[in-house]
Amino acid sequence: MRFDRVGTFTYSHEEDTSAFDLVDDIAEDVKEARAQEIMEVQQEISLEKNEEKVGKTFKVIIDKKEAGRYLGRTEFDSVEVDNEVIVHTNKKLAPGDFVNVKITKAYDFDIEGELV
């Protein structure tokens, strides 16, 4: 299966969950290696999916300005966990603004574009 988005978390005991009483007999380094392996596979898939967005225009909500550029996300992305959209413009934008962005570059977990 080729997922659009994947997040991995290693098992940890959480109070008041049904899994809390399970024996945690997997070494932490093994858990981390397994999570890393999944994310390495997903990195390639994510890059391919992001490359398909190049040349397309998306509605983007601006989250913040950082290092002279705006960062936002499409309507398909959750804040702080999914792709960020790096937006290049000379126009002054504010967090919460919705803008149309034409994607010009793709990275493994982010995309970049220009205001249209």
PDB file of N, CA and C in Angstrom:
ATOM      1  N   MET A   1       0.844  -1.175   0.000  1.00  0.00           N
ATOM      2  CA  MET A   1       0.000   0.000   0.000  1.00  0.00           C
ATOM      3  C   MET A   1       0.891   1.240   0.000  1.00  0.00           C
ATOM      4  N   ARG A   2       0.525   2.233  -0.774  1.00  0.00           N
ATOM      5  CA  ARG A   2       1.273   3.487  -0.846  1.00  0.00           C
ATOM      6  C   ARG A   2       0.427   4.575  -0.203  1.00  0.00           C
ATOM      7  N   PHE A   3       0.724   4.899   1.028  1.00  0.00           N
ATOM      8  CA  PHE A   3      -0.027   5.897   1.770  1.00  0.00           C
ATOM      9  C   PHE A   3       0.378   7.307   1.357  1.00  0.00           C
ATOM     10  N   ASP A   4      -0.588   8.222   1.372  1.00  0.00           N
ATOM     11  CA  ASP A   4      -0.267   9.630   1.125  1.00  0.00           C
ATOM     12  C   ASP A   4       0.547  10.201   2.270  1.00  0.00           C
ATOM     13  N   ARG A   5       0.186   9.857   3.481  1.00  0.00           N
ATOM     14  CA  ARG A   5       0.850  10.371   4.688  1.00  0.00           C
ATOM     15  C   ARG A   5       1.058   9.216   5.672  1.00  0.00           C
ATOM     16  N   VAL A   6       2.167   9.235   6.357  1.00  0.00           N
ATOM     17  CA  VAL A   6       2.455   8.231   7.378  1.00  0.00           C
ATOM     18  C   VAL A   6       3.164   8.912   8.534  1.00  0.00           C
ATOM     19  N   GLY A   7       2.772   8.558   9.721  1.00  0.00           N
ATOM     20  CA  GLY A   7       3.489   8.961  10.922  1.00  0.00           C
ATOM     21  C   GLY A   7       3.773   7.708  11.721  1.00  0.00           C
ATOM     22  N   THR A   8       4.959   7.598  12.250  1.00  0.00           N
ATOM     23  CA  THR A   8       5.291   6.412  13.041  1.00  0.00           C
ATOM     24  C   THR A   8       5.628   6.822  14.468  1.00  0.00           C
ATOM     25  N   PHE A   9       5.239   5.974  15.364  1.00  0.00           N
ATOM     26  CA  PHE A   9       5.511   6.180  16.780  1.00  0.00           C
ATOM     27  C   PHE A   9       5.872   4.835  17.378  1.00  0.00           C
ATOM     28  N   THR A  10       6.886   4.804  18.188  1.00  0.00           N
ATOM     29  CA  THR A  10       7.235   3.557  18.855  1.00  0.00           C
ATOM     30  C   THR A  10       6.296   3.345  20.035  1.00  0.00           C
ATOM     31  N   TYR A  11       6.096   2.096  20.391  1.00  0.00           N
ATOM     32  CA  TYR A  11       5.195   1.757  21.491  1.00  0.00           C
ATOM     33  C   TYR A  11       5.740   2.300  22.808  1.00  0.00           C
ATOM     34  N   SER A  12       4.850   2.834  23.590  1.00  0.00           N
ATOM     35  CA  SER A  12       5.205   3.226  24.948  1.00  0.00           C
ATOM     36  C   SER A  12       3.979   3.001  25.824  1.00  0.00           C
ATOM     37  N   HIS A  13       4.222   2.684  27.057  1.00  0.00           N
ATOM     38  CA  HIS A  13       3.117   2.463  27.984  1.00  0.00           C
ATOM     39  C   HIS A  13       2.378   3.774  28.236  1.00  0.00           C
ATOM     40  N   GLU A  14       1.079   3.735  28.078  1.00  0.00           N
ATOM     41  CA  GLU A  14       0.239   4.894  28.354  1.00  0.00           C
ATOM     42  C   GLU A  14      -0.800   4.478  29.380  1.00  0.00           C
ATOM     43  N   GLU A  15      -0.795   5.140  30.506  1.00  0.00           N
ATOM     44  CA  GLU A  15      -1.773   4.823  31.545  1.00  0.00           C
ATOM     45  C   GLU A  15      -3.188   4.932  31.010  1.00  0.00           C
ATOM     46  N   ASP A  16      -4.066   4.116  31.591  1.00  0.00           N
ATOM     47  CA  ASP A  16      -5.487   4.111  31.246  1.00  0.00           C
ATOM     48  C   ASP A  16      -5.761   3.690  29.806  1.00  0.00           C
ATOM     49  N   THR A  17      -4.851   2.907  29.200  1.00  0.00           N
ATOM     50  CA  THR A  17      -5.121   2.326  27.887  1.00  0.00           C
ATOM     51  C   THR A  17      -5.150   0.812  28.027  1.00  0.00           C
ATOM     52  N   SER A  18      -5.835   0.140  27.119  1.00  0.00           N
ATOM     53  CA  SER A  18      -5.930  -1.318  27.202  1.00  0.00           C
ATOM     54  C   SER A  18      -4.568  -1.983  26.998  1.00  0.00           C
ATOM     55  N   ALA A  19      -3.646  -1.317  26.335  1.00  0.00           N
ATOM     56  CA  ALA A  19      -2.320  -1.894  26.094  1.00  0.00           C
ATOM     57  C   ALA A  19      -1.351  -1.671  27.250  1.00  0.00           C
ATOM     58  N   PHE A  20      -1.762  -0.922  28.246  1.00  0.00           N
ATOM     59  CA  PHE A  20      -0.847  -0.584  29.337  1.00  0.00           C
ATOM     60  C   PHE A  20      -0.293  -1.816  30.048  1.00  0.00           C
ATOM     61  N   ASP A  21      -1.097  -2.861  30.149  1.00  0.00           N
ATOM     62  CA  ASP A  21      -0.663  -4.066  30.862  1.00  0.00           C
ATOM     63  C   ASP A  21       0.120  -5.048  29.991  1.00  0.00           C
ATOM     64  N   LEU A  22       0.292  -4.748  28.723  1.00  0.00           N
ATOM     65  CA  LEU A  22       1.067  -5.627  27.854  1.00  0.00           C
ATOM     66  C   LEU A  22       2.546  -5.544  28.201  1.00  0.00           C
ATOM     67  N   VAL A  23       3.232  -6.644  27.991  1.00  0.00           N
ATOM     68  CA  VAL A  23       4.668  -6.684  28.236  1.00  0.00           C
ATOM     69  C   VAL A  23       5.371  -5.976  27.079  1.00  0.00           C
ATOM     70  N   ASP A  24       6.223  -5.044  27.396  1.00  0.00           N
ATOM     71  CA  ASP A  24       6.989  -4.317  26.394  1.00  0.00           C
ATOM     72  C   ASP A  24       8.370  -4.955  26.329  1.00  0.00           C
ATOM     73  N   ASP A  25       8.497  -6.007  25.504  1.00  0.00           N
ATOM     74  CA  ASP A  25       9.744  -6.765  25.467  1.00  0.00           C
ATOM     75  C   ASP A  25      10.584  -6.511  24.209  1.00  0.00           C
ATOM     76  N   ILE A  26      10.294  -5.433  23.513  1.00  0.00           N
ATOM     77  CA  ILE A  26      11.089  -5.058  22.340  1.00  0.00           C
ATOM     78  C   ILE A  26      12.064  -3.962  22.757  1.00  0.00           C
ATOM     79  N   ALA A  27      13.325  -4.174  22.450  1.00  0.00           N
ATOM     80  CA  ALA A  27      14.354  -3.193  22.804  1.00  0.00           C
ATOM     81  C   ALA A  27      14.086  -1.864  22.106  1.00  0.00           C
ATOM     82  N   GLU A  28      14.394  -0.781  22.797  1.00  0.00           N
ATOM     83  CA  GLU A  28      14.137   0.560  22.253  1.00  0.00           C
ATOM     84  C   GLU A  28      14.851   0.782  20.925  1.00  0.00           C
ATOM     85  N   ASP A  29      16.086   0.286  20.782  1.00  0.00           N
ATOM     86  CA  ASP A  29      16.811   0.468  19.526  1.00  0.00           C
ATOM     87  C   ASP A  29      16.159  -0.296  18.376  1.00  0.00           C
ATOM     88  N   VAL A  30      15.535  -1.420  18.673  1.00  0.00           N
ATOM     89  CA  VAL A  30      14.811  -2.180  17.643  1.00  0.00           C
ATOM     90  C   VAL A  30      13.560  -1.408  17.227  1.00  0.00           C
ATOM     91  N   LYS A  31      12.853  -0.858  18.194  1.00  0.00           N
ATOM     92  CA  LYS A  31      11.666  -0.046  17.883  1.00  0.00           C
ATOM     93  C   LYS A  31      12.041   1.130  16.986  1.00  0.00           C
ATOM     94  N   GLU A  32      13.107   1.828  17.353  1.00  0.00           N
ATOM     95  CA  GLU A  32      13.541   2.991  16.581  1.00  0.00           C
ATOM     96  C   GLU A  32      13.963   2.592  15.170  1.00  0.00           C
ATOM     97  N   ALA A  33      14.669   1.473  15.032  1.00  0.00           N
ATOM     98  CA  ALA A  33      15.111   1.005  13.719  1.00  0.00           C
ATOM     99  C   ALA A  33      13.914   0.663  12.835  1.00  0.00           C
ATOM    100  N   ARG A  34      12.899   0.035  13.413  1.00  0.00           N
ATOM    101  CA  ARG A  34      11.691  -0.302  12.652  1.00  0.00           C
ATOM    102  C   ARG A  34      10.956   0.958  12.204  1.00  0.00           C
ATOM    103  N   ALA A  35      10.834   1.918  13.093  1.00  0.00           N
ATOM    104  CA  ALA A  35      10.159   3.175  12.747  1.00  0.00           C
ATOM    105  C   ALA A  35      10.941   3.900  11.657  1.00  0.00           C
ATOM    106  N   GLN A  36      12.247   3.926  11.764  1.00  0.00           N
ATOM    107  CA  GLN A  36      13.100   4.580  10.769  1.00  0.00           C
ATOM    108  C   GLN A  36      12.963   3.912   9.407  1.00  0.00           C
ATOM    109  N   GLU A  37      12.912   2.590   9.386  1.00  0.00           N
ATOM    110  CA  GLU A  37      12.777   1.853   8.129  1.00  0.00           C
ATOM    111  C   GLU A  37      11.457   2.207   7.430  1.00  0.00           C
ATOM    112  N   ILE A  38      10.387   2.288   8.200  1.00  0.00           N
ATOM    113  CA  ILE A  38       9.088   2.663   7.629  1.00  0.00           C
ATOM    114  C   ILE A  38       9.160   4.067   7.041  1.00  0.00           C
ATOM    115  N   MET A  39       9.760   5.001   7.774  1.00  0.00           N
ATOM    116  CA  MET A  39       9.823   6.380   7.294  1.00  0.00           C
ATOM    117  C   MET A  39      10.729   6.534   6.072  1.00  0.00           C
ATOM    118  N   GLU A  40      11.751   5.708   5.947  1.00  0.00           N
ATOM    119  CA  GLU A  40      12.606   5.746   4.761  1.00  0.00           C
ATOM    120  C   GLU A  40      11.836   5.303   3.524  1.00  0.00           C
ATOM    121  N   VAL A  41      11.004   4.285   3.672  1.00  0.00           N
ATOM    122  CA  VAL A  41      10.154   3.842   2.566  1.00  0.00           C
ATOM    123  C   VAL A  41       9.160   4.948   2.223  1.00  0.00           C
ATOM    124  N   GLN A  42       8.537   5.528   3.246  1.00  0.00           N
ATOM    125  CA  GLN A  42       7.545   6.570   3.024  1.00  0.00           C
ATOM    126  C   GLN A  42       8.161   7.825   2.417  1.00  0.00           C
ATOM    127  N   GLN A  43       9.398   8.114   2.726  1.00  0.00           N
ATOM    128  CA  GLN A  43      10.065   9.299   2.186  1.00  0.00           C
ATOM    129  C   GLN A  43      10.073   9.258   0.658  1.00  0.00           C
ATOM    130  N   GLU A  44      10.379   8.115   0.086  1.00  0.00           N
ATOM    131  CA  GLU A  44      10.382   7.972  -1.370  1.00  0.00           C
ATOM    132  C   GLU A  44       8.979   8.135  -1.941  1.00  0.00           C
ATOM    133  N   ILE A  45       7.992   7.532  -1.290  1.00  0.00           N
ATOM    134  CA  ILE A  45       6.608   7.629  -1.741  1.00  0.00           C
ATOM    135  C   ILE A  45       6.133   9.066  -1.654  1.00  0.00           C
ATOM    136  N   SER A  46       6.432   9.724  -0.559  1.00  0.00           N
ATOM    137  CA  SER A  46       6.019  11.107  -0.361  1.00  0.00           C
ATOM    138  C   SER A  46       6.631  12.022  -1.422  1.00  0.00           C
ATOM    139  N   LEU A  47       7.895  11.825  -1.749  1.00  0.00           N
ATOM    140  CA  LEU A  47       8.539  12.632  -2.782  1.00  0.00           C
ATOM    141  C   LEU A  47       7.834  12.439  -4.121  1.00  0.00           C
ATOM    142  N   GLU A  48       7.535  11.210  -4.479  1.00  0.00           N
ATOM    143  CA  GLU A  48       6.836  10.938  -5.734  1.00  0.00           C
ATOM    144  C   GLU A  48       5.476  11.635  -5.753  1.00  0.00           C
ATOM    145  N   LYS A  49       4.736  11.545  -4.665  1.00  0.00           N
ATOM    146  CA  LYS A  49       3.416  12.171  -4.595  1.00  0.00           C
ATOM    147  C   LYS A  49       3.534  13.689  -4.639  1.00  0.00           C
ATOM    148  N   ASN A  50       4.548  14.244  -3.997  1.00  0.00           N
ATOM    149  CA  ASN A  50       4.750  15.692  -4.039  1.00  0.00           C
ATOM    150  C   ASN A  50       5.173  16.152  -5.424  1.00  0.00           C
ATOM    151  N   GLU A  51       5.967  15.362  -6.128  1.00  0.00           N
ATOM    152  CA  GLU A  51       6.381  15.722  -7.485  1.00  0.00           C
ATOM    153  C   GLU A  51       5.174  15.803  -8.423  1.00  0.00           C
ATOM    154  N   GLU A  52       4.137  15.019  -8.157  1.00  0.00           N
ATOM    155  CA  GLU A  52       2.914  15.065  -8.962  1.00  0.00           C
ATOM    156  C   GLU A  52       2.175  16.394  -8.787  1.00  0.00           C
ATOM    157  N   LYS A  53       2.471  17.129  -7.739  1.00  0.00           N
ATOM    158  CA  LYS A  53       1.809  18.407  -7.467  1.00  0.00           C
ATOM    159  C   LYS A  53       2.460  19.586  -8.193  1.00  0.00           C
ATOM    160  N   VAL A  54       3.683  19.395  -8.694  1.00  0.00           N
ATOM    161  CA  VAL A  54       4.381  20.480  -9.378  1.00  0.00           C
ATOM    162  C   VAL A  54       3.564  20.910 -10.598  1.00  0.00           C
ATOM    163  N   GLY A  55       3.366  22.227 -10.712  1.00  0.00           N
ATOM    164  CA  GLY A  55       2.587  22.788 -11.808  1.00  0.00           C
ATOM    165  C   GLY A  55       1.119  22.971 -11.480  1.00  0.00           C
ATOM    166  N   LYS A  56       0.667  22.400 -10.377  1.00  0.00           N
ATOM    167  CA  LYS A  56      -0.722  22.534  -9.962  1.00  0.00           C
ATOM    168  C   LYS A  56      -0.859  23.663  -8.942  1.00  0.00           C
ATOM    169  N   THR A  57      -2.062  24.205  -8.839  1.00  0.00           N
ATOM    170  CA  THR A  57      -2.337  25.292  -7.906  1.00  0.00           C
ATOM    171  C   THR A  57      -3.211  24.776  -6.776  1.00  0.00           C
ATOM    172  N   PHE A  58      -2.858  25.147  -5.547  1.00  0.00           N
ATOM    173  CA  PHE A  58      -3.587  24.718  -4.358  1.00  0.00           C
ATOM    174  C   PHE A  58      -3.970  25.921  -3.506  1.00  0.00           C
ATOM    175  N   LYS A  59      -5.095  25.799  -2.848  1.00  0.00           N
ATOM    176  CA  LYS A  59      -5.499  26.785  -1.855  1.00  0.00           C
ATOM    177  C   LYS A  59      -4.701  26.486  -0.587  1.00  0.00           C
ATOM    178  N   VAL A  60      -4.012  27.507  -0.078  1.00  0.00           N
ATOM    179  CA  VAL A  60      -3.101  27.341   1.051  1.00  0.00           C
ATOM    180  C   VAL A  60      -3.481  28.319   2.152  1.00  0.00           C
ATOM    181  N   ILE A  61      -3.475  27.847   3.386  1.00  0.00           N
ATOM    182  CA  ILE A  61      -3.640  28.747   4.531  1.00  0.00           C
ATOM    183  C   ILE A  61      -2.249  29.052   5.062  1.00  0.00           C
ATOM    184  N   ILE A  62      -1.984  30.325   5.287  1.00  0.00           N
ATOM    185  CA  ILE A  62      -0.680  30.751   5.801  1.00  0.00           C
ATOM    186  C   ILE A  62      -0.647  30.528   7.315  1.00  0.00           C
ATOM    187  N   ASP A  63       0.400  29.857   7.771  1.00  0.00           N
ATOM    188  CA  ASP A  63       0.574  29.607   9.212  1.00  0.00           C
ATOM    189  C   ASP A  63       1.524  30.600   9.867  1.00  0.00           C
ATOM    190  N   LYS A  64       2.625  30.945   9.149  1.00  0.00           N
ATOM    191  CA  LYS A  64       3.614  31.835   9.756  1.00  0.00           C
ATOM    192  C   LYS A  64       4.603  32.316   8.706  1.00  0.00           C
ATOM    193  N   LYS A  65       5.399  33.312   9.103  1.00  0.00           N
ATOM    194  CA  LYS A  65       6.517  33.766   8.285  1.00  0.00           C
ATOM    195  C   LYS A  65       7.789  33.391   9.029  1.00  0.00           C
ATOM    196  N   GLU A  66       8.716  32.806   8.293  1.00  0.00           N
ATOM    197  CA  GLU A  66       9.950  32.328   8.913  1.00  0.00           C
ATOM    198  C   GLU A  66      11.080  32.432   7.891  1.00  0.00           C
ATOM    199  N   ALA A  67      12.187  33.000   8.287  1.00  0.00           N
ATOM    200  CA  ALA A  67      13.370  33.121   7.427  1.00  0.00           C
ATOM    201  C   ALA A  67      13.042  33.800   6.093  1.00  0.00           C
ATOM    202  N   GLY A  68      12.187  34.817   6.155  1.00  0.00           N
ATOM    203  CA  GLY A  68      11.878  35.587   4.969  1.00  0.00           C
ATOM    204  C   GLY A  68      10.907  34.946   3.996  1.00  0.00           C
ATOM    205  N   ARG A  69      10.288  33.870   4.384  1.00  0.00           N
ATOM    206  CA  ARG A  69       9.317  33.199   3.517  1.00  0.00           C
ATOM    207  C   ARG A  69       8.110  32.787   4.345  1.00  0.00           C
ATOM    208  N   TYR A  70       7.020  32.571   3.676  1.00  0.00           N
ATOM    209  CA  TYR A  70       5.804  32.163   4.366  1.00  0.00           C
ATOM    210  C   TYR A  70       5.683  30.643   4.335  1.00  0.00           C
ATOM    211  N   LEU A  71       5.139  30.118   5.416  1.00  0.00           N
ATOM    212  CA  LEU A  71       4.888  28.685   5.505  1.00  0.00           C
ATOM    213  C   LEU A  71       3.395  28.485   5.722  1.00  0.00           C
ATOM    214  N   GLY A  72       2.845  27.552   4.985  1.00  0.00           N
ATOM    215  CA  GLY A  72       1.429  27.257   5.108  1.00  0.00           C
ATOM    216  C   GLY A  72       1.174  25.794   4.830  1.00  0.00           C
ATOM    217  N   ARG A  73      -0.100  25.491   4.579  1.00  0.00           N
ATOM    218  CA  ARG A  73      -0.478  24.111   4.282  1.00  0.00           C
ATOM    219  C   ARG A  73      -1.727  24.110   3.416  1.00  0.00           C
ATOM    220  N   THR A  74      -1.868  23.061   2.650  1.00  0.00           N
ATOM    221  CA  THR A  74      -3.052  22.946   1.808  1.00  0.00           C
ATOM    222  C   THR A  74      -4.222  22.477   2.662  1.00  0.00           C
ATOM    223  N   GLU A  75      -5.388  22.462   2.046  1.00  0.00           N
ATOM    224  CA  GLU A  75      -6.583  21.997   2.754  1.00  0.00           C
ATOM    225  C   GLU A  75      -6.500  20.507   3.088  1.00  0.00           C
ATOM    226  N   PHE A  76      -5.529  19.811   2.527  1.00  0.00           N
ATOM    227  CA  PHE A  76      -5.377  18.379   2.749  1.00  0.00           C
ATOM    228  C   PHE A  76      -4.376  18.063   3.860  1.00  0.00           C
ATOM    229  N   ASP A  77      -3.755  19.075   4.434  1.00  0.00           N
ATOM    230  CA  ASP A  77      -2.674  18.860   5.387  1.00  0.00           C
ATOM    231  C   ASP A  77      -3.008  19.395   6.769  1.00  0.00           C
ATOM    232  N   SER A  78      -2.588  18.643   7.772  1.00  0.00           N
ATOM    233  CA  SER A  78      -2.752  19.063   9.161  1.00  0.00           C
ATOM    234  C   SER A  78      -1.534  19.863   9.595  1.00  0.00           C
ATOM    235  N   VAL A  79      -1.774  20.805  10.465  1.00  0.00           N
ATOM    236  CA  VAL A  79      -0.697  21.651  10.960  1.00  0.00           C
ATOM    237  C   VAL A  79       0.305  20.817  11.762  1.00  0.00           C
ATOM    238  N   GLU A  80       1.575  21.089  11.555  1.00  0.00           N
ATOM    239  CA  GLU A  80       2.705  20.525  12.297  1.00  0.00           C
ATOM    240  C   GLU A  80       2.970  19.041  12.073  1.00  0.00           C
ATOM    241  N   VAL A  81       2.154  18.346  11.266  1.00  0.00           N
ATOM    242  CA  VAL A  81       2.438  16.925  11.042  1.00  0.00           C
ATOM    243  C   VAL A  81       2.538  16.553   9.575  1.00  0.00           C
ATOM    244  N   ASP A  82       1.914  17.319   8.693  1.00  0.00           N
ATOM    245  CA  ASP A  82       1.928  17.001   7.271  1.00  0.00           C
ATOM    246  C   ASP A  82       2.819  17.990   6.520  1.00  0.00           C
ATOM    247  N   ASN A  83       2.784  17.871   5.193  1.00  0.00           N
ATOM    248  CA  ASN A  83       3.562  18.764   4.333  1.00  0.00           C
ATOM    249  C   ASN A  83       3.370  20.221   4.706  1.00  0.00           C
ATOM    250  N   GLU A  84       4.440  20.973   4.610  1.00  0.00           N
ATOM    251  CA  GLU A  84       4.336  22.424   4.648  1.00  0.00           C
ATOM    252  C   GLU A  84       4.470  22.912   3.218  1.00  0.00           C
ATOM    253  N   VAL A  85       3.834  24.038   2.952  1.00  0.00           N
ATOM    254  CA  VAL A  85       3.977  24.690   1.664  1.00  0.00           C
ATOM    255  C   VAL A  85       4.826  25.939   1.898  1.00  0.00           C
ATOM    256  N   ILE A  86       5.964  25.994   1.249  1.00  0.00           N
ATOM    257  CA  ILE A  86       6.843  27.154   1.320  1.00  0.00           C
ATOM    258  C   ILE A  86       6.364  28.113   0.239  1.00  0.00           C
ATOM    259  N   VAL A  87       5.962  29.316   0.641  1.00  0.00           N
ATOM    260  CA  VAL A  87       5.357  30.266  -0.282  1.00  0.00           C
ATOM    261  C   VAL A  87       6.277  31.454  -0.495  1.00  0.00           C
ATOM    262  N   HIS A  88       6.591  31.717  -1.758  1.00  0.00           N
ATOM    263  CA  HIS A  88       7.419  32.866  -2.120  1.00  0.00           C
ATOM    264  C   HIS A  88       6.534  33.972  -2.678  1.00  0.00           C
ATOM    265  N   THR A  89       6.640  35.154  -2.087  1.00  0.00           N
ATOM    266  CA  THR A  89       5.904  36.316  -2.568  1.00  0.00           C
ATOM    267  C   THR A  89       6.490  37.570  -1.943  1.00  0.00           C
ATOM    268  N   ASN A  90       6.324  38.679  -2.622  1.00  0.00           N
ATOM    269  CA  ASN A  90       6.690  39.973  -2.050  1.00  0.00           C
ATOM    270  C   ASN A  90       5.496  40.608  -1.357  1.00  0.00           C
ATOM    271  N   LYS A  91       4.335  40.014  -1.539  1.00  0.00           N
ATOM    272  CA  LYS A  91       3.105  40.513  -0.936  1.00  0.00           C
ATOM    273  C   LYS A  91       3.114  40.221   0.566  1.00  0.00           C
ATOM    274  N   LYS A  92       2.578  41.138   1.359  1.00  0.00           N
ATOM    275  CA  LYS A  92       2.499  40.935   2.802  1.00  0.00           C
ATOM    276  C   LYS A  92       1.308  40.022   3.107  1.00  0.00           C
ATOM    277  N   LEU A  93       1.586  38.934   3.789  1.00  0.00           N
ATOM    278  CA  LEU A  93       0.552  37.978   4.172  1.00  0.00           C
ATOM    279  C   LEU A  93       0.507  37.873   5.691  1.00  0.00           C
ATOM    280  N   ALA A  94      -0.608  37.397   6.208  1.00  0.00           N
ATOM    281  CA  ALA A  94      -0.773  37.222   7.651  1.00  0.00           C
ATOM    282  C   ALA A  94      -1.230  35.802   7.938  1.00  0.00           C
ATOM    283  N   PRO A  95      -0.870  35.284   9.111  1.00  0.00           N
ATOM    284  CA  PRO A  95      -1.379  33.963   9.483  1.00  0.00           C
ATOM    285  C   PRO A  95      -2.909  33.934   9.382  1.00  0.00           C
ATOM    286  N   GLY A  96      -3.402  32.873   8.769  1.00  0.00           N
ATOM    287  CA  GLY A  96      -4.839  32.731   8.583  1.00  0.00           C
ATOM    288  C   GLY A  96      -5.306  33.131   7.202  1.00  0.00           C
ATOM    289  N   ASP A  97      -4.467  33.844   6.444  1.00  0.00           N
ATOM    290  CA  ASP A  97      -4.830  34.210   5.075  1.00  0.00           C
ATOM    291  C   ASP A  97      -4.892  32.959   4.202  1.00  0.00           C
ATOM    292  N   PHE A  98      -5.873  32.931   3.309  1.00  0.00           N
ATOM    293  CA  PHE A  98      -5.943  31.888   2.293  1.00  0.00           C
ATOM    294  C   PHE A  98      -5.436  32.471   0.987  1.00  0.00           C
ATOM    295  N   VAL A  99      -4.530  31.754   0.333  1.00  0.00           N
ATOM    296  CA  VAL A  99      -3.962  32.206  -0.932  1.00  0.00           C
ATOM    297  C   VAL A  99      -3.862  31.025  -1.888  1.00  0.00           C
ATOM    298  N   ASN A 100      -3.810  31.323  -3.177  1.00  0.00           N
ATOM    299  CA  ASN A 100      -3.588  30.284  -4.177  1.00  0.00           C
ATOM    300  C   ASN A 100      -2.108  30.244  -4.506  1.00  0.00           C
ATOM    301  N   VAL A 101      -1.550  29.039  -4.467  1.00  0.00           N
ATOM    302  CA  VAL A 101      -0.113  28.855  -4.674  1.00  0.00           C
ATOM    303  C   VAL A 101       0.108  27.822  -5.767  1.00  0.00           C
ATOM    304  N   LYS A 102       0.901  28.207  -6.776  1.00  0.00           N
ATOM    305  CA  LYS A 102       1.294  27.269  -7.827  1.00  0.00           C
ATOM    306  C   LYS A 102       2.589  26.597  -7.394  1.00  0.00           C
ATOM    307  N   ILE A 103       2.577  25.289  -7.348  1.00  0.00           N
ATOM    308  CA  ILE A 103       3.718  24.521  -6.850  1.00  0.00           C
ATOM    309  C   ILE A 103       4.810  24.472  -7.915  1.00  0.00           C
ATOM    310  N   THR A 104       6.028  24.836  -7.494  1.00  0.00           N
ATOM    311  CA  THR A 104       7.166  24.881  -8.407  1.00  0.00           C
ATOM    312  C   THR A 104       8.249  23.862  -8.076  1.00  0.00           C
ATOM    313  N   LYS A 105       8.282  23.403  -6.821  1.00  0.00           N
ATOM    314  CA  LYS A 105       9.304  22.432  -6.397  1.00  0.00           C
ATOM    315  C   LYS A 105       8.696  21.446  -5.415  1.00  0.00           C
ATOM    316  N   ALA A 106       9.247  20.236  -5.424  1.00  0.00           N
ATOM    317  CA  ALA A 106       8.797  19.200  -4.499  1.00  0.00           C
ATOM    318  C   ALA A 106       9.983  18.662  -3.723  1.00  0.00           C
ATOM    319  N   TYR A 107       9.756  18.434  -2.467  1.00  0.00           N
ATOM    320  CA  TYR A 107      10.739  17.811  -1.588  1.00  0.00           C
ATOM    321  C   TYR A 107      10.084  16.578  -0.985  1.00  0.00           C
ATOM    322  N   ASP A 108      10.847  15.824  -0.213  1.00  0.00           N
ATOM    323  CA  ASP A 108      10.273  14.588   0.323  1.00  0.00           C
ATOM    324  C   ASP A 108       9.051  14.838   1.213  1.00  0.00           C
ATOM    325  N   PHE A 109       9.096  15.832   2.074  1.00  0.00           N
ATOM    326  CA  PHE A 109       7.960  16.072   2.960  1.00  0.00           C
ATOM    327  C   PHE A 109       7.409  17.481   2.882  1.00  0.00           C
ATOM    328  N   ASP A 110       7.817  18.279   1.912  1.00  0.00           N
ATOM    329  CA  ASP A 110       7.307  19.639   1.747  1.00  0.00           C
ATOM    330  C   ASP A 110       7.199  19.965   0.268  1.00  0.00           C
ATOM    331  N   ILE A 111       6.442  21.023  -0.039  1.00  0.00           N
ATOM    332  CA  ILE A 111       6.358  21.539  -1.389  1.00  0.00           C
ATOM    333  C   ILE A 111       6.582  23.042  -1.358  1.00  0.00           C
ATOM    334  N   GLU A 112       6.926  23.603  -2.503  1.00  0.00           N
ATOM    335  CA  GLU A 112       7.278  25.017  -2.582  1.00  0.00           C
ATOM    336  C   GLU A 112       6.583  25.616  -3.794  1.00  0.00           C
ATOM    337  N   GLY A 113       6.168  26.878  -3.659  1.00  0.00           N
ATOM    338  CA  GLY A 113       5.510  27.499  -4.794  1.00  0.00           C
ATOM    339  C   GLY A 113       5.435  28.997  -4.701  1.00  0.00           C
ATOM    340  N   GLU A 114       4.767  29.562  -5.712  1.00  0.00           N
ATOM    341  CA  GLU A 114       4.644  31.011  -5.814  1.00  0.00           C
ATOM    342  C   GLU A 114       3.178  31.406  -5.767  1.00  0.00           C
ATOM    343  N   LEU A 115       2.931  32.546  -5.170  1.00  0.00           N
ATOM    344  CA  LEU A 115       1.591  33.101  -5.089  1.00  0.00           C
ATOM    345  C   LEU A 115       1.067  33.386  -6.490  1.00  0.00           C
ATOM    346  N   VAL A 116      -0.180  33.025  -6.765  1.00  0.00           N
ATOM    347  CA  VAL A 116      -0.804  33.344  -8.055  1.00  0.00           C
ATOM    348  C   VAL A 116      -2.061  34.151  -7.824  1.00  0.00           C
TER     349      VAL A 116
END
